Amino acid sequence: MKKARSFLLLLLLAAFTIRVLWLAVEPLVPYVVSTLAIVLVLGFIYHRMTRW
C-alpha cells in the first residue's frame, strides 16, 4: 500500500511539474515556431544560392 501511495504522489508531482513548465513555456511557443520557420527559409535560400 505504501509503495502505491508513493507512486501516486510521484505521479502527482510529475504532473504538477509538467504543468508549471508548460505555463512557463507556453507564451514563448509562437516565437519559437516563427523563429524556426524563418531559419528554415533562410537556410533553404542559402542552400539554393551556394550550391553548384
PDB file of N, CA and C in Angstrom:
ATOM      1  N   MET A   1       0.842  -1.202   0.000  1.00  0.00           N
ATOM      2  CA  MET A   1       0.000   0.000   0.000  1.00  0.00           C
ATOM      3  C   MET A   1       0.881   1.257   0.000  1.00  0.00           C
ATOM      4  N   LYS A   2       1.929   1.224   0.808  1.00  0.00           N
ATOM      5  CA  LYS A   2       2.811   2.400   0.900  1.00  0.00           C
ATOM      6  C   LYS A   2       3.491   2.682  -0.442  1.00  0.00           C
ATOM      7  N   LYS A   3       3.854   1.591  -1.149  1.00  0.00           N
ATOM      8  CA  LYS A   3       4.506   1.736  -2.448  1.00  0.00           C
ATOM      9  C   LYS A   3       3.564   2.405  -3.455  1.00  0.00           C
ATOM     10  N   ALA A   4       2.312   1.965  -3.459  1.00  0.00           N
ATOM     11  CA  ALA A   4       1.312   2.535  -4.368  1.00  0.00           C
ATOM     12  C   ALA A   4       1.082   4.012  -4.060  1.00  0.00           C
ATOM     13  N   ARG A   5       1.013   4.329  -2.774  1.00  0.00           N
ATOM     14  CA  ARG A   5       0.787   5.723  -2.371  1.00  0.00           C
ATOM     15  C   ARG A   5       1.952   6.608  -2.802  1.00  0.00           C
ATOM     16  N   SER A   6       3.186   6.127  -2.618  1.00  0.00           N
ATOM     17  CA  SER A   6       4.350   6.924  -3.013  1.00  0.00           C
ATOM     18  C   SER A   6       4.407   7.070  -4.535  1.00  0.00           C
ATOM     19  N   PHE A   7       3.982   6.020  -5.252  1.00  0.00           N
ATOM     20  CA  PHE A   7       3.948   6.093  -6.719  1.00  0.00           C
ATOM     21  C   PHE A   7       2.934   7.135  -7.178  1.00  0.00           C
ATOM     22  N   LEU A   8       1.751   7.140  -6.545  1.00  0.00           N
ATOM     23  CA  LEU A   8       0.726   8.131  -6.883  1.00  0.00           C
ATOM     24  C   LEU A   8       1.210   9.551  -6.578  1.00  0.00           C
ATOM     25  N   LEU A   9       1.897   9.704  -5.461  1.00  0.00           N
ATOM     26  CA  LEU A   9       2.434  11.010  -5.089  1.00  0.00           C
ATOM     27  C   LEU A   9       3.473  11.472  -6.107  1.00  0.00           C
ATOM     28  N   LEU A  10       4.306  10.541  -6.552  1.00  0.00           N
ATOM     29  CA  LEU A  10       5.310  10.841  -7.565  1.00  0.00           C
ATOM     30  C   LEU A  10       4.646  11.260  -8.873  1.00  0.00           C
ATOM     31  N   LEU A  11       3.581  10.544  -9.252  1.00  0.00           N
ATOM     32  CA  LEU A  11       2.832  10.855 -10.473  1.00  0.00           C
ATOM     33  C   LEU A  11       2.223  12.255 -10.388  1.00  0.00           C
ATOM     34  N   LEU A  12       1.657  12.577  -9.223  1.00  0.00           N
ATOM     35  CA  LEU A  12       1.050  13.890  -8.999  1.00  0.00           C
ATOM     36  C   LEU A  12       2.110  14.987  -9.086  1.00  0.00           C
ATOM     37  N   LEU A  13       3.252  14.740  -8.484  1.00  0.00           N
ATOM     38  CA  LEU A  13       4.353  15.695  -8.513  1.00  0.00           C
ATOM     39  C   LEU A  13       4.851  15.915  -9.942  1.00  0.00           C
ATOM     40  N   ALA A  14       4.964  14.826 -10.708  1.00  0.00           N
ATOM     41  CA  ALA A  14       5.401  14.918 -12.101  1.00  0.00           C
ATOM     42  C   ALA A  14       4.398  15.717 -12.931  1.00  0.00           C
ATOM     43  N   ALA A  15       3.107  15.452 -12.735  1.00  0.00           N
ATOM     44  CA  ALA A  15       2.065  16.174 -13.460  1.00  0.00           C
ATOM     45  C   ALA A  15       2.112  17.671 -13.122  1.00  0.00           C
ATOM     46  N   PHE A  16       2.300  17.989 -11.850  1.00  0.00           N
ATOM     47  CA  PHE A  16       2.380  19.383 -11.405  1.00  0.00           C
ATOM     48  C   PHE A  16       3.594  20.081 -12.012  1.00  0.00           C
ATOM     49  N   THR A  17       4.741  19.381 -12.029  1.00  0.00           N
ATOM     50  CA  THR A  17       5.964  19.943 -12.598  1.00  0.00           C
ATOM     51  C   THR A  17       5.791  20.220 -14.084  1.00  0.00           C
ATOM     52  N   ILE A  18       5.196  19.250 -14.806  1.00  0.00           N
ATOM     53  CA  ILE A  18       4.967  19.430 -16.237  1.00  0.00           C
ATOM     54  C   ILE A  18       4.023  20.606 -16.489  1.00  0.00           C
ATOM     55  N   ARG A  19       2.987  20.730 -15.656  1.00  0.00           N
ATOM     56  CA  ARG A  19       2.027  21.832 -15.786  1.00  0.00           C
ATOM     57  C   ARG A  19       2.725  23.183 -15.601  1.00  0.00           C
ATOM     58  N   VAL A  20       3.558  23.287 -14.566  1.00  0.00           N
ATOM     59  CA  VAL A  20       4.269  24.546 -14.298  1.00  0.00           C
ATOM     60  C   VAL A  20       5.216  24.876 -15.447  1.00  0.00           C
ATOM     61  N   LEU A  21       5.941  23.854 -15.936  1.00  0.00           N
ATOM     62  CA  LEU A  21       6.846  24.063 -17.069  1.00  0.00           C
ATOM     63  C   LEU A  21       6.081  24.520 -18.293  1.00  0.00           C
ATOM     64  N   TRP A  22       4.921  23.898 -18.543  1.00  0.00           N
ATOM     65  CA  TRP A  22       4.113  24.275 -19.702  1.00  0.00           C
ATOM     66  C   TRP A  22       3.640  25.717 -19.570  1.00  0.00           C
ATOM     67  N   LEU A  23       3.204  26.121 -18.381  1.00  0.00           N
ATOM     68  CA  LEU A  23       2.768  27.503 -18.166  1.00  0.00           C
ATOM     69  C   LEU A  23       3.916  28.481 -18.389  1.00  0.00           C
ATOM     70  N   ALA A  24       5.141  28.056 -18.086  1.00  0.00           N
ATOM     71  CA  ALA A  24       6.301  28.933 -18.287  1.00  0.00           C
ATOM     72  C   ALA A  24       6.673  29.010 -19.766  1.00  0.00           C
ATOM     73  N   VAL A  25       6.519  27.897 -20.485  1.00  0.00           N
ATOM     74  CA  VAL A  25       6.980  27.824 -21.878  1.00  0.00           C
ATOM     75  C   VAL A  25       5.909  28.278 -22.869  1.00  0.00           C
ATOM     76  N   GLU A  26       4.638  28.089 -22.521  1.00  0.00           N
ATOM     77  CA  GLU A  26       3.534  28.351 -23.450  1.00  0.00           C
ATOM     78  C   GLU A  26       3.565  29.722 -24.120  1.00  0.00           C
ATOM     79  N   PRO A  27       3.845  30.822 -23.387  1.00  0.00           N
ATOM     80  CA  PRO A  27       3.872  32.138 -24.063  1.00  0.00           C
ATOM     81  C   PRO A  27       4.972  32.246 -25.114  1.00  0.00           C
ATOM     82  N   LEU A  28       6.027  31.413 -25.012  1.00  0.00           N
ATOM     83  CA  LEU A  28       7.155  31.513 -25.940  1.00  0.00           C
ATOM     84  C   LEU A  28       6.975  30.667 -27.196  1.00  0.00           C
ATOM     85  N   VAL A  29       5.971  29.774 -27.202  1.00  0.00           N
ATOM     86  CA  VAL A  29       5.809  28.831 -28.311  1.00  0.00           C
ATOM     87  C   VAL A  29       5.684  29.525 -29.673  1.00  0.00           C
ATOM     88  N   PRO A  30       4.833  30.558 -29.828  1.00  0.00           N
ATOM     89  CA  PRO A  30       4.739  31.197 -31.151  1.00  0.00           C
ATOM     90  C   PRO A  30       6.062  31.788 -31.634  1.00  0.00           C
ATOM     91  N   TYR A  31       6.828  32.365 -30.713  1.00  0.00           N
ATOM     92  CA  TYR A  31       8.125  32.934 -31.078  1.00  0.00           C
ATOM     93  C   TYR A  31       9.085  31.840 -31.546  1.00  0.00           C
ATOM     94  N   VAL A  32       9.092  30.735 -30.834  1.00  0.00           N
ATOM     95  CA  VAL A  32       9.975  29.622 -31.203  1.00  0.00           C
ATOM     96  C   VAL A  32       9.603  29.083 -32.577  1.00  0.00           C
ATOM     97  N   VAL A  33       8.309  28.901 -32.828  1.00  0.00           N
ATOM     98  CA  VAL A  33       7.847  28.371 -34.115  1.00  0.00           C
ATOM     99  C   VAL A  33       8.178  29.334 -35.245  1.00  0.00           C
ATOM    100  N   SER A  34       7.926  30.629 -35.061  1.00  0.00           N
ATOM    101  CA  SER A  34       8.209  31.594 -36.117  1.00  0.00           C
ATOM    102  C   SER A  34       9.715  31.709 -36.366  1.00  0.00           C
ATOM    103  N   THR A  35      10.520  31.677 -35.314  1.00  0.00           N
ATOM    104  CA  THR A  35      11.974  31.719 -35.477  1.00  0.00           C
ATOM    105  C   THR A  35      12.469  30.509 -36.250  1.00  0.00           C
ATOM    106  N   LEU A  36      11.944  29.337 -35.913  1.00  0.00           N
ATOM    107  CA  LEU A  36      12.315  28.116 -36.620  1.00  0.00           C
ATOM    108  C   LEU A  36      11.953  28.198 -38.098  1.00  0.00           C
ATOM    109  N   ALA A  37      10.772  28.721 -38.396  1.00  0.00           N
ATOM    110  CA  ALA A  37      10.335  28.863 -39.781  1.00  0.00           C
ATOM    111  C   ALA A  37      11.262  29.810 -40.543  1.00  0.00           C
ATOM    112  N   ILE A  38      11.612  30.949 -39.935  1.00  0.00           N
ATOM    113  CA  ILE A  38      12.497  31.921 -40.582  1.00  0.00           C
ATOM    114  C   ILE A  38      13.863  31.305 -40.846  1.00  0.00           C
ATOM    115  N   VAL A  39      14.408  30.592 -39.854  1.00  0.00           N
ATOM    116  CA  VAL A  39      15.715  29.960 -40.005  1.00  0.00           C
ATOM    117  C   VAL A  39      15.686  28.918 -41.125  1.00  0.00           C
ATOM    118  N   LEU A  40      14.611  28.133 -41.198  1.00  0.00           N
ATOM    119  CA  LEU A  40      14.493  27.133 -42.257  1.00  0.00           C
ATOM    120  C   LEU A  40      14.434  27.784 -43.633  1.00  0.00           C
ATOM    121  N   VAL A  41      13.658  28.852 -43.760  1.00  0.00           N
ATOM    122  CA  VAL A  41      13.547  29.547 -45.043  1.00  0.00           C
ATOM    123  C   VAL A  41      14.886  30.144 -45.449  1.00  0.00           C
ATOM    124  N   LEU A  42      15.559  30.818 -44.527  1.00  0.00           N
ATOM    125  CA  LEU A  42      16.864  31.411 -44.826  1.00  0.00           C
ATOM    126  C   LEU A  42      17.889  30.339 -45.195  1.00  0.00           C
ATOM    127  N   GLY A  43      17.861  29.225 -44.463  1.00  0.00           N
ATOM    128  CA  GLY A  43      18.772  28.127 -44.766  1.00  0.00           C
ATOM    129  C   GLY A  43      18.509  27.543 -46.139  1.00  0.00           C
ATOM    130  N   PHE A  44      17.236  27.416 -46.508  1.00  0.00           N
ATOM    131  CA  PHE A  44      16.881  26.897 -47.828  1.00  0.00           C
ATOM    132  C   PHE A  44      17.357  27.830 -48.935  1.00  0.00           C
ATOM    133  N   ILE A  45      17.136  29.148 -48.743  1.00  0.00           N
ATOM    134  CA  ILE A  45      17.585  30.132 -49.736  1.00  0.00           C
ATOM    135  C   ILE A  45      19.108  30.100 -49.859  1.00  0.00           C
ATOM    136  N   TYR A  46      19.789  30.039 -48.723  1.00  0.00           N
ATOM    137  CA  TYR A  46      21.254  29.980 -48.734  1.00  0.00           C
ATOM    138  C   TYR A  46      21.734  28.727 -49.451  1.00  0.00           C
ATOM    139  N   HIS A  47      21.103  27.624 -49.191  1.00  0.00           N
ATOM    140  CA  HIS A  47      21.460  26.367 -49.840  1.00  0.00           C
ATOM    141  C   HIS A  47      21.267  26.461 -51.361  1.00  0.00           C
ATOM    142  N   ARG A  48      20.155  27.062 -51.786  1.00  0.00           N
ATOM    143  CA  ARG A  48      19.873  27.209 -53.215  1.00  0.00           C
ATOM    144  C   ARG A  48      20.901  28.119 -53.901  1.00  0.00           C
ATOM    145  N   MET A  49      21.339  29.162 -53.197  1.00  0.00           N
ATOM    146  CA  MET A  49      22.250  30.139 -53.778  1.00  0.00           C
ATOM    147  C   MET A  49      23.682  29.620 -53.843  1.00  0.00           C
ATOM    148  N   THR A  50      24.081  28.813 -52.859  1.00  0.00           N
ATOM    149  CA  THR A  50      25.508  28.436 -52.771  1.00  0.00           C
ATOM    150  C   THR A  50      25.823  27.110 -53.422  1.00  0.00           C
ATOM    151  N   ARG A  51      24.823  26.305 -53.765  1.00  0.00           N
ATOM    152  CA  ARG A  51      25.145  25.017 -54.381  1.00  0.00           C
ATOM    153  C   ARG A  51      25.621  25.224 -55.819  1.00  0.00           C
ATOM    154  N   TRP A  52      26.329  24.252 -56.340  1.00  0.00           N
ATOM    155  CA  TRP A  52      26.914  24.396 -57.666  1.00  0.00           C
ATOM    156  C   TRP A  52      25.843  24.427 -58.745  1.00  0.00           C
TER     157      TRP A  52
END
